[in-house]
Amino acid sequence: MKNLPTYLAAAVLAIFGLATLFASGAILLDLFDVRETQGNYVPFIVFTNFLVSLLYLMAAYGFVKNKFLALSLLLASLVILIVAFAGLWVHIWSGGLYQTKTIGAMAFRIIVTLGFAVAAYFINKKSKSHGNNEVRN
């Protein structure tokens, strides 16, 4: 049971990643005519979420197999999201169309990603102190 936090973090991150992959993929590929229901979505934000969802899934695997990989992927995701969020503000200030909920969703995604990165840091740190950070097959 000492690995419970690791497996729990991996499972929650995988679910979050799959939900993000489905939602952003459905918009990008116009599955189920979902674009019509989305209003003024910002395409580069949707693509960013799609990209980050793939990183989330790899990081979920990394939680179990290689804690440092998980941390690295989550930090990369965080940087990508922050850059995209800054781009969203430029888009908004330039008069681009957007939905207000996009701002909240991006802020939420950044906070959640930061939370997972902090968890990965502490799980990685704990794993290193126990000499248990090698890649397992």
N, C-alpha and C. Protein backbone atom coordinates (compact mmCIF):
# COMPACT_ATOMS: atom_id res chain seq x y z
N MET A 1 0.80 -1.21 0.00
CA MET A 1 0.00 0.00 0.00
C MET A 1 0.84 1.27 0.00
N LYS A 2 2.17 1.13 0.09
CA LYS A 2 3.01 2.33 0.11
C LYS A 2 3.02 3.04 -1.24
N ASN A 3 2.63 2.35 -2.32
CA ASN A 3 2.57 2.97 -3.64
C ASN A 3 1.19 3.53 -3.97
N LEU A 4 0.27 3.49 -3.01
CA LEU A 4 -1.09 3.97 -3.26
C LEU A 4 -1.14 5.41 -3.77
N PRO A 5 -0.41 6.36 -3.18
CA PRO A 5 -0.45 7.74 -3.71
C PRO A 5 0.02 7.81 -5.17
N THR A 6 1.02 7.02 -5.50
CA THR A 6 1.53 7.02 -6.87
C THR A 6 0.47 6.51 -7.83
N TYR A 7 -0.14 5.37 -7.50
CA TYR A 7 -1.16 4.80 -8.38
C TYR A 7 -2.42 5.65 -8.44
N LEU A 8 -2.76 6.27 -7.33
CA LEU A 8 -3.92 7.15 -7.30
C LEU A 8 -3.68 8.38 -8.18
N ALA A 9 -2.51 8.98 -8.06
CA ALA A 9 -2.17 10.14 -8.89
C ALA A 9 -2.17 9.75 -10.36
N ALA A 10 -1.60 8.59 -10.67
CA ALA A 10 -1.56 8.11 -12.06
C ALA A 10 -2.97 7.90 -12.60
N ALA A 11 -3.84 7.30 -11.81
CA ALA A 11 -5.22 7.02 -12.26
C ALA A 11 -6.00 8.31 -12.48
N VAL A 12 -5.90 9.25 -11.55
CA VAL A 12 -6.63 10.51 -11.69
C VAL A 12 -6.10 11.30 -12.88
N LEU A 13 -4.79 11.31 -13.05
CA LEU A 13 -4.20 12.02 -14.19
C LEU A 13 -4.60 11.36 -15.50
N ALA A 14 -4.64 10.05 -15.53
CA ALA A 14 -5.06 9.34 -16.75
C ALA A 14 -6.51 9.67 -17.10
N ILE A 15 -7.38 9.70 -16.11
CA ILE A 15 -8.78 10.05 -16.35
C ILE A 15 -8.89 11.48 -16.85
N PHE A 16 -8.16 12.39 -16.21
CA PHE A 16 -8.16 13.79 -16.64
C PHE A 16 -7.62 13.92 -18.07
N GLY A 17 -6.56 13.18 -18.36
CA GLY A 17 -5.98 13.20 -19.70
C GLY A 17 -6.92 12.64 -20.74
N LEU A 18 -7.60 11.54 -20.43
CA LEU A 18 -8.55 10.96 -21.38
C LEU A 18 -9.74 11.88 -21.62
N ALA A 19 -10.23 12.50 -20.55
CA ALA A 19 -11.35 13.44 -20.71
C ALA A 19 -10.93 14.63 -21.58
N THR A 20 -9.74 15.13 -21.36
CA THR A 20 -9.22 16.25 -22.15
C THR A 20 -9.00 15.83 -23.60
N LEU A 21 -8.46 14.64 -23.80
CA LEU A 21 -8.23 14.12 -25.14
C LEU A 21 -9.55 13.99 -25.90
N PHE A 22 -10.57 13.44 -25.25
CA PHE A 22 -11.86 13.28 -25.90
C PHE A 22 -12.48 14.64 -26.23
N ALA A 23 -12.48 15.54 -25.27
CA ALA A 23 -13.13 16.85 -25.48
C ALA A 23 -12.42 17.65 -26.57
N SER A 24 -11.11 17.75 -26.49
CA SER A 24 -10.39 18.54 -27.50
C SER A 24 -10.36 17.83 -28.84
N GLY A 25 -10.23 16.51 -28.83
CA GLY A 25 -10.24 15.75 -30.08
C GLY A 25 -11.57 15.84 -30.79
N ALA A 26 -12.64 15.84 -30.02
CA ALA A 26 -13.98 15.94 -30.62
C ALA A 26 -14.15 17.28 -31.34
N ILE A 27 -13.60 18.33 -30.77
CA ILE A 27 -13.70 19.65 -31.41
C ILE A 27 -12.79 19.70 -32.64
N LEU A 28 -11.54 19.26 -32.48
CA LEU A 28 -10.59 19.31 -33.60
C LEU A 28 -11.06 18.48 -34.80
N LEU A 29 -11.61 17.31 -34.52
CA LEU A 29 -12.05 16.41 -35.59
C LEU A 29 -13.53 16.56 -35.92
N ASP A 30 -14.19 17.46 -35.23
CA ASP A 30 -15.63 17.70 -35.39
C ASP A 30 -16.44 16.41 -35.26
N LEU A 31 -16.12 15.64 -34.24
CA LEU A 31 -16.87 14.43 -33.95
C LEU A 31 -18.24 14.80 -33.40
N PHE A 32 -19.25 14.09 -33.82
CA PHE A 32 -20.61 14.28 -33.33
C PHE A 32 -21.10 15.72 -33.54
N ASP A 33 -20.58 16.40 -34.55
CA ASP A 33 -20.93 17.80 -34.85
C ASP A 33 -20.79 18.70 -33.62
N VAL A 34 -19.77 18.44 -32.82
CA VAL A 34 -19.59 19.16 -31.57
C VAL A 34 -19.18 20.62 -31.79
N ARG A 35 -18.57 20.92 -32.92
CA ARG A 35 -18.14 22.31 -33.16
C ARG A 35 -19.32 23.27 -33.14
N GLU A 36 -20.46 22.82 -33.64
CA GLU A 36 -21.65 23.68 -33.67
C GLU A 36 -22.08 24.08 -32.28
N THR A 37 -21.83 23.23 -31.30
CA THR A 37 -22.26 23.52 -29.93
C THR A 37 -21.25 24.35 -29.15
N GLN A 38 -20.07 24.54 -29.71
CA GLN A 38 -18.99 25.20 -28.96
C GLN A 38 -18.93 26.71 -29.10
N GLY A 39 -19.65 27.27 -30.00
CA GLY A 39 -19.63 28.72 -30.14
C GLY A 39 -18.27 29.22 -30.60
N ASN A 40 -17.78 30.28 -29.98
CA ASN A 40 -16.52 30.92 -30.37
C ASN A 40 -15.33 30.30 -29.63
N TYR A 41 -14.99 29.09 -30.02
CA TYR A 41 -13.82 28.47 -29.42
C TYR A 41 -12.57 29.02 -30.10
N VAL A 42 -11.46 28.96 -29.39
CA VAL A 42 -10.19 29.47 -29.91
C VAL A 42 -9.37 28.26 -30.36
N PRO A 43 -9.16 28.10 -31.67
CA PRO A 43 -8.52 26.88 -32.19
C PRO A 43 -7.16 26.55 -31.56
N PHE A 44 -6.30 27.54 -31.33
CA PHE A 44 -4.99 27.20 -30.77
C PHE A 44 -5.08 26.73 -29.32
N ILE A 45 -6.12 27.16 -28.62
CA ILE A 45 -6.33 26.68 -27.25
C ILE A 45 -6.79 25.22 -27.29
N VAL A 46 -7.68 24.90 -28.21
CA VAL A 46 -8.15 23.52 -28.34
C VAL A 46 -6.97 22.61 -28.71
N PHE A 47 -6.13 23.06 -29.65
CA PHE A 47 -4.97 22.26 -30.04
C PHE A 47 -4.01 22.11 -28.86
N THR A 48 -3.81 23.17 -28.09
CA THR A 48 -2.94 23.10 -26.91
C THR A 48 -3.47 22.06 -25.93
N ASN A 49 -4.78 22.09 -25.69
CA ASN A 49 -5.38 21.12 -24.77
C ASN A 49 -5.21 19.69 -25.29
N PHE A 50 -5.33 19.51 -26.61
CA PHE A 50 -5.13 18.20 -27.20
C PHE A 50 -3.69 17.73 -26.97
N LEU A 51 -2.72 18.60 -27.24
CA LEU A 51 -1.32 18.26 -27.05
C LEU A 51 -1.03 17.92 -25.59
N VAL A 52 -1.54 18.75 -24.69
CA VAL A 52 -1.30 18.54 -23.26
C VAL A 52 -1.97 17.25 -22.78
N SER A 53 -3.11 16.89 -23.37
CA SER A 53 -3.77 15.65 -22.96
C SER A 53 -2.87 14.44 -23.24
N LEU A 54 -2.15 14.48 -24.35
CA LEU A 54 -1.21 13.39 -24.66
C LEU A 54 -0.06 13.36 -23.65
N LEU A 55 0.40 14.54 -23.27
CA LEU A 55 1.46 14.61 -22.25
C LEU A 55 0.96 14.11 -20.90
N TYR A 56 -0.31 14.41 -20.57
CA TYR A 56 -0.91 13.91 -19.33
C TYR A 56 -0.91 12.38 -19.31
N LEU A 57 -1.29 11.78 -20.43
CA LEU A 57 -1.34 10.32 -20.49
C LEU A 57 0.05 9.70 -20.35
N MET A 58 1.03 10.32 -20.99
CA MET A 58 2.40 9.82 -20.83
C MET A 58 2.89 10.03 -19.39
N ALA A 59 2.51 11.15 -18.78
CA ALA A 59 2.91 11.42 -17.39
C ALA A 59 2.24 10.44 -16.43
N ALA A 60 1.00 10.05 -16.72
CA ALA A 60 0.32 9.06 -15.88
C ALA A 60 1.10 7.74 -15.90
N TYR A 61 1.56 7.35 -17.07
CA TYR A 61 2.40 6.16 -17.19
C TYR A 61 3.71 6.39 -16.44
N GLY A 62 4.25 7.59 -16.55
CA GLY A 62 5.49 7.93 -15.88
C GLY A 62 5.39 7.87 -14.37
N PHE A 63 4.23 8.18 -13.82
CA PHE A 63 4.05 8.09 -12.37
C PHE A 63 4.37 6.68 -11.88
N VAL A 64 3.99 5.69 -12.67
CA VAL A 64 4.17 4.30 -12.28
C VAL A 64 5.56 3.78 -12.64
N LYS A 65 6.06 4.16 -13.81
CA LYS A 65 7.31 3.58 -14.31
C LYS A 65 8.55 4.42 -14.02
N ASN A 66 8.43 5.73 -14.08
CA ASN A 66 9.61 6.59 -13.93
C ASN A 66 9.14 7.95 -13.44
N LYS A 67 9.29 8.18 -12.15
CA LYS A 67 8.77 9.40 -11.52
C LYS A 67 9.35 10.67 -12.13
N PHE A 68 10.62 10.63 -12.52
CA PHE A 68 11.24 11.82 -13.11
C PHE A 68 10.60 12.15 -14.46
N LEU A 69 10.24 11.13 -15.24
CA LEU A 69 9.55 11.34 -16.51
C LEU A 69 8.22 12.06 -16.28
N ALA A 70 7.48 11.63 -15.29
CA ALA A 70 6.20 12.26 -14.98
C ALA A 70 6.39 13.73 -14.65
N LEU A 71 7.35 14.02 -13.79
CA LEU A 71 7.61 15.40 -13.41
C LEU A 71 8.01 16.23 -14.61
N SER A 72 8.88 15.72 -15.44
CA SER A 72 9.34 16.46 -16.62
C SER A 72 8.18 16.75 -17.58
N LEU A 73 7.35 15.75 -17.83
CA LEU A 73 6.21 15.94 -18.73
C LEU A 73 5.19 16.93 -18.17
N LEU A 74 4.98 16.88 -16.88
CA LEU A 74 4.03 17.82 -16.27
C LEU A 74 4.57 19.24 -16.27
N LEU A 75 5.86 19.40 -16.06
CA LEU A 75 6.45 20.75 -16.13
C LEU A 75 6.39 21.28 -17.56
N ALA A 76 6.64 20.41 -18.54
CA ALA A 76 6.51 20.83 -19.94
C ALA A 76 5.07 21.22 -20.24
N SER A 77 4.12 20.45 -19.74
CA SER A 77 2.70 20.77 -19.93
C SER A 77 2.36 22.12 -19.31
N LEU A 78 2.90 22.37 -18.14
CA LEU A 78 2.66 23.64 -17.45
C LEU A 78 3.17 24.82 -18.26
N VAL A 79 4.37 24.69 -18.80
CA VAL A 79 4.94 25.76 -19.63
C VAL A 79 4.09 25.98 -20.88
N ILE A 80 3.70 24.90 -21.53
CA ILE A 80 2.86 25.00 -22.74
C ILE A 80 1.54 25.70 -22.42
N LEU A 81 0.92 25.33 -21.31
CA LEU A 81 -0.36 25.94 -20.93
C LEU A 81 -0.21 27.42 -20.60
N ILE A 82 0.86 27.78 -19.91
CA ILE A 82 1.07 29.19 -19.55
C ILE A 82 1.31 30.03 -20.80
N VAL A 83 2.10 29.51 -21.73
CA VAL A 83 2.35 30.22 -22.99
C VAL A 83 1.03 30.37 -23.77
N ALA A 84 0.25 29.30 -23.82
CA ALA A 84 -1.04 29.36 -24.53
C ALA A 84 -2.00 30.35 -23.84
N PHE A 85 -1.96 30.38 -22.51
CA PHE A 85 -2.82 31.31 -21.77
C PHE A 85 -2.42 32.75 -22.08
N ALA A 86 -1.13 33.00 -22.14
CA ALA A 86 -0.66 34.34 -22.53
C ALA A 86 -1.11 34.66 -23.95
N GLY A 87 -1.03 33.66 -24.83
CA GLY A 87 -1.51 33.84 -26.20
C GLY A 87 -3.00 34.11 -26.26
N LEU A 88 -3.74 33.48 -25.36
CA LEU A 88 -5.19 33.72 -25.29
C LEU A 88 -5.45 35.18 -24.93
N TRP A 89 -4.70 35.71 -23.98
CA TRP A 89 -4.88 37.11 -23.60
C TRP A 89 -4.55 38.06 -24.75
N VAL A 90 -3.51 37.75 -25.49
CA VAL A 90 -3.17 38.55 -26.67
C VAL A 90 -4.32 38.47 -27.68
N HIS A 91 -4.84 37.27 -27.87
CA HIS A 91 -5.97 37.06 -28.77
C HIS A 91 -7.18 37.90 -28.34
N ILE A 92 -7.46 37.90 -27.05
CA ILE A 92 -8.59 38.65 -26.51
C ILE A 92 -8.36 40.15 -26.68
N TRP A 93 -7.18 40.62 -26.30
CA TRP A 93 -6.87 42.05 -26.40
C TRP A 93 -6.86 42.54 -27.84
N SER A 94 -6.61 41.61 -28.77
CA SER A 94 -6.61 41.97 -30.19
C SER A 94 -8.01 41.96 -30.79
N GLY A 95 -8.98 41.70 -29.96
CA GLY A 95 -10.36 41.70 -30.44
C GLY A 95 -10.84 40.36 -30.99
N GLY A 96 -10.08 39.29 -30.75
CA GLY A 96 -10.47 37.97 -31.23
C GLY A 96 -11.68 37.44 -30.49
N LEU A 97 -12.44 36.60 -31.18
CA LEU A 97 -13.62 36.00 -30.57
C LEU A 97 -13.20 34.90 -29.60
N TYR A 98 -13.92 34.80 -28.49
CA TYR A 98 -13.63 33.79 -27.48
C TYR A 98 -14.86 33.64 -26.59
N GLN A 99 -14.84 32.62 -25.77
CA GLN A 99 -15.87 32.45 -24.76
C GLN A 99 -15.26 32.72 -23.39
N THR A 100 -16.00 33.35 -22.53
CA THR A 100 -15.50 33.68 -21.20
C THR A 100 -15.10 32.42 -20.44
N LYS A 101 -15.82 31.32 -20.66
CA LYS A 101 -15.50 30.09 -19.94
C LYS A 101 -14.11 29.56 -20.29
N THR A 102 -13.57 29.96 -21.44
CA THR A 102 -12.23 29.52 -21.84
C THR A 102 -11.18 30.03 -20.87
N ILE A 103 -11.35 31.24 -20.39
CA ILE A 103 -10.39 31.82 -19.44
C ILE A 103 -10.38 30.99 -18.15
N GLY A 104 -11.56 30.72 -17.62
CA GLY A 104 -11.66 29.90 -16.41
C GLY A 104 -11.14 28.49 -16.61
N ALA A 105 -11.45 27.92 -17.77
CA ALA A 105 -11.00 26.55 -18.05
C ALA A 105 -9.48 26.48 -18.13
N MET A 106 -8.87 27.47 -18.76
CA MET A 106 -7.41 27.48 -18.85
C MET A 106 -6.78 27.70 -17.47
N ALA A 107 -7.34 28.59 -16.68
CA ALA A 107 -6.81 28.81 -15.33
C ALA A 107 -6.94 27.52 -14.51
N PHE A 108 -8.08 26.85 -14.62
CA PHE A 108 -8.29 25.59 -13.91
C PHE A 108 -7.27 24.55 -14.36
N ARG A 109 -7.07 24.43 -15.67
CA ARG A 109 -6.13 23.43 -16.20
C ARG A 109 -4.70 23.71 -15.72
N ILE A 110 -4.32 24.99 -15.67
CA ILE A 110 -2.98 25.35 -15.18
C ILE A 110 -2.83 24.97 -13.71
N ILE A 111 -3.84 25.26 -12.91
CA ILE A 111 -3.79 24.93 -11.48
C ILE A 111 -3.73 23.42 -11.26
N VAL A 112 -4.55 22.69 -12.00
CA VAL A 112 -4.55 21.22 -11.87
C VAL A 112 -3.20 20.65 -12.29
N THR A 113 -2.65 21.15 -13.39
CA THR A 113 -1.35 20.67 -13.86
C THR A 113 -0.27 20.98 -12.84
N LEU A 114 -0.32 22.18 -12.27
CA LEU A 114 0.64 22.54 -11.22
C LEU A 114 0.50 21.58 -10.03
N GLY A 115 -0.73 21.27 -9.66
CA GLY A 115 -0.95 20.32 -8.56
C GLY A 115 -0.36 18.95 -8.84
N PHE A 116 -0.56 18.46 -10.05
CA PHE A 116 0.02 17.17 -10.42
C PHE A 116 1.54 17.23 -10.46
N ALA A 117 2.09 18.35 -10.92
CA ALA A 117 3.55 18.51 -10.95
C ALA A 117 4.12 18.51 -9.53
N VAL A 118 3.44 19.18 -8.61
CA VAL A 118 3.89 19.19 -7.21
C VAL A 118 3.81 17.77 -6.65
N ALA A 119 2.73 17.07 -6.94
CA ALA A 119 2.60 15.68 -6.48
C ALA A 119 3.72 14.83 -7.07
N ALA A 120 4.01 15.00 -8.34
CA ALA A 120 5.09 14.24 -8.99
C ALA A 120 6.43 14.55 -8.34
N TYR A 121 6.64 15.82 -7.99
CA TYR A 121 7.89 16.21 -7.34
C TYR A 121 8.06 15.47 -6.01
N PHE A 122 7.00 15.48 -5.19
CA PHE A 122 7.10 14.85 -3.88
C PHE A 122 7.16 13.33 -3.98
N ILE A 123 6.44 12.76 -4.92
CA ILE A 123 6.52 11.31 -5.12
C ILE A 123 7.91 10.93 -5.61
N ASN A 124 8.46 11.74 -6.52
CA ASN A 124 9.81 11.50 -7.03
C ASN A 124 10.84 11.63 -5.91
N LYS A 125 10.68 12.66 -5.10
CA LYS A 125 11.61 12.90 -3.99
C LYS A 125 11.56 11.75 -2.99
N LYS A 126 10.34 11.31 -2.67
CA LYS A 126 10.17 10.19 -1.73
C LYS A 126 10.78 8.91 -2.32
N SER A 127 10.57 8.72 -3.61
CA SER A 127 11.09 7.53 -4.29
C SER A 127 12.62 7.53 -4.29
N LYS A 128 13.22 8.70 -4.52
CA LYS A 128 14.68 8.80 -4.52
C LYS A 128 15.25 8.52 -3.14
N SER A 129 14.56 9.00 -2.11
CA SER A 129 15.07 8.80 -0.75
C SER A 129 15.01 7.32 -0.35
N HIS A 130 14.17 6.57 -1.03
CA HIS A 130 14.10 5.13 -0.78
C HIS A 130 14.90 4.33 -1.79
N GLY A 131 15.64 5.05 -2.66
CA GLY A 131 16.46 4.37 -3.66
C GLY A 131 15.62 3.57 -4.66
N ASN A 132 14.48 4.12 -5.01
CA ASN A 132 13.51 3.35 -5.79
C ASN A 132 13.08 4.11 -7.05
N ASN A 133 13.97 4.83 -7.69
CA ASN A 133 13.59 5.66 -8.84
C ASN A 133 14.02 5.07 -10.18
N GLU A 134 14.43 3.83 -10.19
CA GLU A 134 14.85 3.24 -11.44
C GLU A 134 13.62 2.92 -12.30
N VAL A 135 13.88 2.77 -13.58
CA VAL A 135 12.80 2.43 -14.51
C VAL A 135 12.51 0.93 -14.35
N ARG A 136 11.24 0.63 -14.10
CA ARG A 136 10.83 -0.77 -13.96
C ARG A 136 10.18 -1.23 -15.24
N ASN A 137 10.45 -2.46 -15.65
CA ASN A 137 9.81 -3.03 -16.85
C ASN A 137 8.62 -3.84 -16.48
